[in-house]
Amino acid sequence: MAAATFTDLGFDPEQGEMLYLLLRLPGAAAHALEQSRLGHKKFPFFEIELETTSAGERL
């Protein structure tokens, strides 16, 4: 959707890509600051619960 908007506004592909990256930067910076307070070991990884078959194999 962003690409179509930038095209309609007359941006060439390189300009559209740079503008898109610049518009995303504040969100990425805020996320990095939030994660730096937690530390890299407290990153919210979720456990995957695997189901087993009657033969003991994982699905």
C-alpha atoms as a PDB file:
ATOM      1  CA  MET A   1       0.000   0.000   0.000  1.00  0.00           C
ATOM      2  CA  ALA A   2       2.862   2.353   0.780  1.00  0.00           C
ATOM      3  CA  ALA A   3       4.458   1.645  -2.599  1.00  0.00           C
ATOM      4  CA  ALA A   4       1.244   2.528  -4.428  1.00  0.00           C
ATOM      5  CA  THR A   5       0.918   5.736  -2.420  1.00  0.00           C
ATOM      6  CA  PHE A   6       4.495   6.789  -3.115  1.00  0.00           C
ATOM      7  CA  THR A   7       4.027   6.028  -6.819  1.00  0.00           C
ATOM      8  CA  ASP A   8       0.869   8.149  -6.898  1.00  0.00           C
ATOM      9  CA  LEU A   9       2.811  10.973  -5.238  1.00  0.00           C
ATOM     10  CA  GLY A  10       5.436  10.806  -7.988  1.00  0.00           C
ATOM     11  CA  PHE A  11       8.338   9.203  -6.105  1.00  0.00           C
ATOM     12  CA  ASP A  12      10.679   6.910  -7.997  1.00  0.00           C
ATOM     13  CA  PRO A  13      11.383   3.503  -6.377  1.00  0.00           C
ATOM     14  CA  GLU A  14      14.589   4.588  -4.632  1.00  0.00           C
ATOM     15  CA  GLN A  15      12.981   7.700  -3.172  1.00  0.00           C
ATOM     16  CA  GLY A  16       9.954   5.727  -1.998  1.00  0.00           C
ATOM     17  CA  GLU A  17      12.164   3.151  -0.321  1.00  0.00           C
ATOM     18  CA  MET A  18      14.183   5.819   1.510  1.00  0.00           C
ATOM     19  CA  LEU A  19      11.041   7.635   2.667  1.00  0.00           C
ATOM     20  CA  TYR A  20       9.514   4.365   3.875  1.00  0.00           C
ATOM     21  CA  LEU A  21      12.662   3.558   5.867  1.00  0.00           C
ATOM     22  CA  LEU A  22      12.755   7.055   7.383  1.00  0.00           C
ATOM     23  CA  LEU A  23       9.109   6.808   8.420  1.00  0.00           C
ATOM     24  CA  ARG A  24       9.759   3.447  10.125  1.00  0.00           C
ATOM     25  CA  LEU A  25      12.831   4.643  12.017  1.00  0.00           C
ATOM     26  CA  PRO A  26      11.096   6.220  15.073  1.00  0.00           C
ATOM     27  CA  GLY A  27       9.182   3.010  15.788  1.00  0.00           C
ATOM     28  CA  ALA A  28      12.313   0.890  15.453  1.00  0.00           C
ATOM     29  CA  ALA A  29      14.236   3.256  17.746  1.00  0.00           C
ATOM     30  CA  ALA A  30      11.492   3.139  20.398  1.00  0.00           C
ATOM     31  CA  HIS A  31      11.425  -0.661  20.219  1.00  0.00           C
ATOM     32  CA  ALA A  32      15.215  -0.824  20.612  1.00  0.00           C
ATOM     33  CA  LEU A  33      15.058   1.420  23.695  1.00  0.00           C
ATOM     34  CA  GLU A  34      12.329  -0.719  25.270  1.00  0.00           C
ATOM     35  CA  GLN A  35      14.248  -3.922  24.623  1.00  0.00           C
ATOM     36  CA  SER A  36      17.524  -2.492  25.926  1.00  0.00           C
ATOM     37  CA  ARG A  37      15.899  -1.965  29.327  1.00  0.00           C
ATOM     38  CA  LEU A  38      14.978  -5.656  29.483  1.00  0.00           C
ATOM     39  CA  GLY A  39      18.327  -6.961  28.319  1.00  0.00           C
ATOM     40  CA  HIS A  40      18.906  -9.547  25.640  1.00  0.00           C
ATOM     41  CA  LYS A  41      18.259 -12.523  27.947  1.00  0.00           C
ATOM     42  CA  LYS A  42      14.695 -11.443  28.757  1.00  0.00           C
ATOM     43  CA  PHE A  43      13.533 -11.250  25.171  1.00  0.00           C
ATOM     44  CA  PRO A  44       9.945 -12.558  25.010  1.00  0.00           C
ATOM     45  CA  PHE A  45      10.470 -15.918  23.338  1.00  0.00           C
ATOM     46  CA  PHE A  46       7.469 -18.181  23.634  1.00  0.00           C
ATOM     47  CA  GLU A  47       7.760 -21.892  24.263  1.00  0.00           C
ATOM     48  CA  ILE A  48       6.393 -24.261  21.679  1.00  0.00           C
ATOM     49  CA  GLU A  49       4.484 -27.156  23.125  1.00  0.00           C
ATOM     50  CA  LEU A  50       4.932 -30.183  20.897  1.00  0.00           C
ATOM     51  CA  GLU A  51       2.373 -32.937  20.740  1.00  0.00           C
ATOM     52  CA  THR A  52       3.518 -36.547  20.734  1.00  0.00           C
ATOM     53  CA  THR A  53       1.928 -39.512  19.017  1.00  0.00           C
ATOM     54  CA  SER A  54       1.178 -42.803  20.732  1.00  0.00           C
ATOM     55  CA  ALA A  55       4.529 -44.058  19.426  1.00  0.00           C
ATOM     56  CA  GLY A  56       6.302 -41.196  21.199  1.00  0.00           C
ATOM     57  CA  GLU A  57       7.139 -39.284  18.007  1.00  0.00           C
ATOM     58  CA  ARG A  58       6.807 -35.524  17.961  1.00  0.00           C
ATOM     59  CA  LEU A  59       4.376 -33.966  15.513  1.00  0.00           C
END
